[in-house]
Amino acid sequence: MTTTSVAPSVVSGTTTQPASSSSSSNSSAAAASALATQQIAGNFQSFLTLLTTQLQNQNPLDPLDTNQFTQQLVEFAGVQQQLNTNDSLSTLVSLQQTAQSTQALGFVGKTAVVNGNTAGLTNSSATWELSVPTNSNLNITITNSTGQTVFSGTYAANAGGNQPFTWNGLGNDGTQNPDGQYKLIATAADSSGNNVAITTQIQGVVSSVDLTQSPPLLSINGQTYTVSQIQSITN
């Protein structure tokens, strides 16, 4: 499809930016974890102090009951295990974040395909890939960054995945739109009038990675995506 290709069913490929529970939420989580560990460690030291004092000051004629002593030792082991578990979890989280950053950096300079419907118009050309599950009539609407409709059209589309739809930037009134970010909305219906869900994807070069976010965000055509949103790498 070229400025071509199904009427209604909302495009299912819209990409939502990860909620910005980014670096600030990471810092908050780390601070909360550190505080919790500090509190547990403090309780642990208090426990040792109390147990030691109890042993030192027990009545020789009426020593601590063996069952009570055993129970306290079990509690002691439980506190120690909790401290070790917290340390292990912190290490695992740190290793995971390092792995995510390393993986994200490996995508820089590569051409990626992601689910999404916002593409960049560059040199009067913008391309989206549409997946049409069945032969349909396709309604295409393209809007600019302010939400204004700059192009719309209806096309016949055959069933198939990753069908390119290329727009040359011309509006319905013949006006050449400037380079920038444009959103494509595709709705479709089959020959019986039943809604058909259309999936849209965009393709672009990963220009940079923001490692201050968690997970890291990849910049593609001026939009940001997580590594999990990448469908494929074409080079």
Protein backbone atom coordinates (compact mmCIF):
# COMPACT_ATOMS: atom_id res chain seq x y z
CA MET A 1 0.00 0.00 0.00
CA THR A 2 1.37 3.41 -0.90
CA THR A 3 -0.72 6.35 0.23
CA THR A 4 -3.13 3.45 -0.08
CA SER A 5 -4.94 0.11 1.59
CA VAL A 6 -9.86 -1.18 5.04
CA ALA A 7 -13.64 0.97 7.94
CA PRO A 8 -14.09 0.49 11.54
CA SER A 9 -12.10 -1.23 14.32
CA VAL A 10 -9.64 0.70 16.29
CA VAL A 11 -6.00 0.18 15.48
CA SER A 12 -4.49 -2.03 18.10
CA GLY A 13 -0.91 -0.97 17.60
CA THR A 14 -0.96 2.27 19.54
CA THR A 15 2.10 2.40 21.75
CA THR A 16 1.69 3.74 25.25
CA GLN A 17 4.73 5.22 26.92
CA PRO A 18 5.67 3.41 30.07
CA ALA A 19 4.35 5.15 33.12
CA SER A 20 7.13 7.32 34.34
CA SER A 21 7.91 5.28 37.37
CA SER A 22 11.40 5.98 36.12
CA SER A 23 14.45 7.04 37.99
CA SER A 24 12.49 8.92 40.67
CA SER A 25 10.40 5.85 41.54
CA ASN A 26 13.54 3.72 41.38
CA SER A 27 15.22 6.05 43.87
CA SER A 28 12.16 5.90 46.13
CA ALA A 29 12.09 2.11 45.94
CA ALA A 30 15.81 1.90 46.68
CA ALA A 31 15.46 4.28 49.62
CA ALA A 32 12.50 2.30 50.99
CA SER A 33 14.42 -0.97 50.61
CA ALA A 34 17.47 0.48 52.34
CA LEU A 35 15.31 1.80 55.19
CA ALA A 36 13.58 -1.57 55.58
CA THR A 37 16.92 -3.38 55.67
CA GLN A 38 18.25 -0.90 58.21
CA GLN A 39 15.18 -1.43 60.40
CA ILE A 40 15.49 -5.22 60.20
CA ALA A 41 19.20 -4.99 61.01
CA GLY A 42 18.38 -2.79 64.00
CA ASN A 43 15.80 -5.30 65.23
CA PHE A 44 18.33 -8.07 64.73
CA GLN A 45 20.90 -6.31 66.90
CA SER A 46 18.26 -5.64 69.54
CA PHE A 47 17.33 -9.32 69.49
CA LEU A 48 20.96 -10.36 70.04
CA THR A 49 21.33 -7.87 72.88
CA LEU A 50 18.17 -9.07 74.62
CA LEU A 51 19.07 -12.75 74.19
CA THR A 52 22.62 -12.25 75.47
CA THR A 53 21.40 -10.21 78.45
CA GLN A 54 18.79 -12.85 79.24
CA LEU A 55 21.43 -15.61 79.21
CA GLN A 56 23.84 -13.59 81.34
CA ASN A 57 21.22 -12.74 83.95
CA GLN A 58 19.24 -15.95 84.15
CA ASN A 59 18.73 -17.52 87.55
CA PRO A 60 21.20 -20.44 87.91
CA LEU A 61 18.61 -22.24 90.01
CA ASP A 62 15.95 -21.68 87.39
CA PRO A 63 17.71 -21.52 84.01
CA LEU A 64 16.01 -20.68 80.75
CA ASP A 65 13.65 -23.39 79.57
CA THR A 66 15.20 -25.45 76.77
CA ASN A 67 12.10 -25.14 74.58
CA GLN A 68 12.04 -21.36 74.99
CA PHE A 69 15.73 -21.15 74.20
CA THR A 70 15.28 -23.30 71.08
CA GLN A 71 12.36 -21.14 69.94
CA GLN A 72 14.44 -18.00 70.34
CA LEU A 73 17.27 -19.56 68.34
CA VAL A 74 14.77 -20.35 65.56
CA GLU A 75 13.59 -16.73 65.62
CA PHE A 76 17.23 -15.66 65.50
CA ALA A 77 17.80 -17.79 62.39
CA GLY A 78 14.65 -16.37 60.78
CA VAL A 79 15.81 -12.78 61.25
CA GLN A 80 19.24 -13.64 59.84
CA GLN A 81 17.62 -15.34 56.84
CA GLN A 82 15.46 -12.29 56.20
CA LEU A 83 18.52 -10.07 56.17
CA ASN A 84 20.30 -12.40 53.74
CA THR A 85 17.23 -12.57 51.49
CA ASN A 86 16.99 -8.77 51.32
CA ASP A 87 20.67 -8.53 50.36
CA SER A 88 20.22 -11.21 47.68
CA LEU A 89 17.15 -9.49 46.21
CA SER A 90 18.99 -6.17 46.05
CA THR A 91 21.84 -7.88 44.19
CA LEU A 92 19.42 -9.51 41.73
CA VAL A 93 17.66 -6.20 41.05
CA SER A 94 21.00 -4.51 40.42
CA LEU A 95 22.10 -7.28 38.04
CA GLN A 96 18.79 -7.09 36.15
CA GLN A 97 19.10 -3.34 35.72
CA THR A 98 22.66 -3.74 34.45
CA ALA A 99 21.52 -6.41 31.97
CA GLN A 100 18.68 -4.18 30.72
CA SER A 101 21.08 -1.27 30.20
CA THR A 102 23.60 -3.45 28.35
CA GLN A 103 20.86 -4.89 26.12
CA ALA A 104 19.42 -1.44 25.37
CA LEU A 105 22.81 0.01 24.43
CA GLY A 106 23.25 -2.81 21.91
CA PHE A 107 20.28 -1.50 19.90
CA VAL A 108 21.75 1.95 19.22
CA GLY A 109 22.24 2.47 15.48
CA LYS A 110 20.09 -0.50 14.53
CA THR A 111 16.78 -0.35 12.65
CA ALA A 112 13.97 -1.60 14.86
CA VAL A 113 10.32 -2.47 14.25
CA VAL A 114 7.98 -1.62 17.13
CA ASN A 115 4.24 -1.63 17.70
CA GLY A 116 3.06 1.95 17.31
CA ASN A 117 1.24 4.36 15.03
CA THR A 118 3.38 7.52 15.18
CA ALA A 119 5.96 7.80 12.41
CA GLY A 120 8.30 10.54 11.30
CA LEU A 121 7.72 12.28 7.96
CA THR A 122 11.20 12.79 6.55
CA ASN A 123 11.89 14.18 3.08
CA SER A 124 8.14 13.94 2.39
CA SER A 125 7.91 10.24 3.21
CA ALA A 126 6.50 8.37 6.19
CA THR A 127 5.86 4.63 6.36
CA TRP A 128 3.75 2.45 8.62
CA GLU A 129 3.31 -1.32 8.45
CA LEU A 130 -0.25 -2.63 8.73
CA SER A 131 -1.33 -6.15 9.58
CA VAL A 132 -4.75 -6.92 8.11
CA PRO A 133 -6.22 -10.26 9.27
CA THR A 134 -8.82 -10.53 6.48
CA ASN A 135 -9.73 -8.84 3.21
CA SER A 136 -11.18 -5.52 4.29
CA ASN A 137 -12.05 -1.95 3.44
CA LEU A 138 -9.53 0.20 5.24
CA ASN A 139 -10.09 3.75 6.49
CA ILE A 140 -6.88 5.68 7.05
CA THR A 141 -6.67 8.93 9.01
CA ILE A 142 -3.39 10.77 9.55
CA THR A 143 -3.08 13.54 12.12
CA ASN A 144 -0.25 15.96 12.92
CA SER A 145 1.34 16.64 16.31
CA THR A 146 -1.53 18.95 17.31
CA GLY A 147 -4.16 16.30 16.54
CA GLN A 148 -5.39 17.98 13.36
CA THR A 149 -6.40 15.63 10.54
CA VAL A 150 -4.14 16.24 7.55
CA PHE A 151 -5.04 13.25 5.41
CA SER A 152 -7.75 10.59 5.17
CA GLY A 153 -8.60 7.92 2.63
CA THR A 154 -10.37 4.61 2.09
CA TYR A 155 -8.69 1.63 0.44
CA ALA A 156 -9.29 -2.02 -0.35
CA ALA A 157 -6.76 -4.20 1.43
CA ASN A 158 -6.01 -7.88 1.12
CA ALA A 159 -5.27 -9.99 4.17
CA GLY A 160 -1.62 -9.99 5.13
CA GLY A 161 0.90 -8.93 7.73
CA ASN A 162 3.40 -6.08 7.68
CA GLN A 163 1.94 -4.37 4.61
CA PRO A 164 3.69 -1.02 4.11
CA PHE A 165 1.58 2.13 3.87
CA THR A 166 3.68 5.06 2.67
CA TRP A 167 2.43 8.64 2.80
CA ASN A 168 4.10 11.41 0.80
CA GLY A 169 3.01 14.19 3.12
CA LEU A 170 0.32 15.56 0.81
CA GLY A 171 -2.96 16.53 2.48
CA ASN A 172 -6.38 15.95 0.92
CA ASP A 173 -6.32 19.59 -0.26
CA GLY A 174 -2.98 19.08 -1.99
CA THR A 175 -0.97 20.92 0.69
CA GLN A 176 2.50 19.53 1.36
CA ASN A 177 2.85 18.97 5.09
CA PRO A 178 6.20 19.68 6.76
CA ASP A 179 8.46 16.98 8.11
CA GLY A 180 7.56 15.93 11.65
CA GLN A 181 5.67 13.37 13.70
CA TYR A 182 2.36 12.06 12.32
CA LYS A 183 -0.07 9.53 13.76
CA LEU A 184 -1.91 7.03 11.58
CA ILE A 185 -5.27 5.66 12.75
CA ALA A 186 -6.61 2.68 10.82
CA THR A 187 -10.12 1.23 11.13
CA ALA A 188 -11.49 -1.57 9.01
CA ALA A 189 -14.53 -3.67 8.17
CA ASP A 190 -14.87 -6.87 6.18
CA SER A 191 -17.36 -7.47 3.37
CA SER A 192 -20.10 -8.23 5.92
CA GLY A 193 -19.52 -4.98 7.77
CA ASN A 194 -17.87 -6.62 10.76
CA ASN A 195 -15.12 -4.68 12.48
CA VAL A 196 -11.59 -5.87 11.77
CA ALA A 197 -8.72 -5.11 14.16
CA ILE A 198 -5.71 -3.59 12.41
CA THR A 199 -2.26 -3.68 13.99
CA THR A 200 0.16 -0.89 13.10
CA GLN A 201 3.92 -0.90 13.43
CA ILE A 202 6.62 1.62 12.67
CA GLN A 203 10.24 1.20 11.71
CA GLY A 204 13.16 3.45 12.55
CA VAL A 205 16.76 3.71 13.69
CA VAL A 206 17.41 3.61 17.42
CA SER A 207 19.16 6.96 17.84
CA SER A 208 19.75 6.97 21.60
CA VAL A 209 19.02 5.24 24.91
CA ASP A 210 17.90 6.90 28.14
CA LEU A 211 19.48 4.86 30.94
CA THR A 212 18.07 7.13 33.67
CA GLN A 213 14.69 5.47 33.16
CA SER A 214 13.72 1.99 34.30
CA PRO A 215 13.41 0.11 32.10
CA PRO A 216 15.70 2.07 29.73
CA LEU A 217 13.92 3.94 26.93
CA LEU A 218 14.99 3.72 23.29
CA SER A 219 14.46 6.75 21.04
CA ILE A 220 13.07 5.89 17.61
CA ASN A 221 11.81 8.61 15.24
CA GLY A 222 11.46 11.00 18.15
CA GLN A 223 9.34 8.56 20.18
CA THR A 224 10.46 6.45 23.14
CA TYR A 225 9.96 2.71 23.55
CA THR A 226 11.07 0.00 25.95
CA VAL A 227 13.12 -2.99 24.81
CA SER A 228 10.07 -5.25 25.33
CA GLN A 229 8.15 -3.24 22.71
CA ILE A 230 10.65 -4.07 19.96
CA GLN A 231 9.20 -6.67 17.62
CA SER A 232 12.27 -7.20 15.43
CA ILE A 233 15.61 -5.79 14.33
CA THR A 234 16.05 -5.49 10.58
CA ASN A 235 19.81 -4.92 10.48
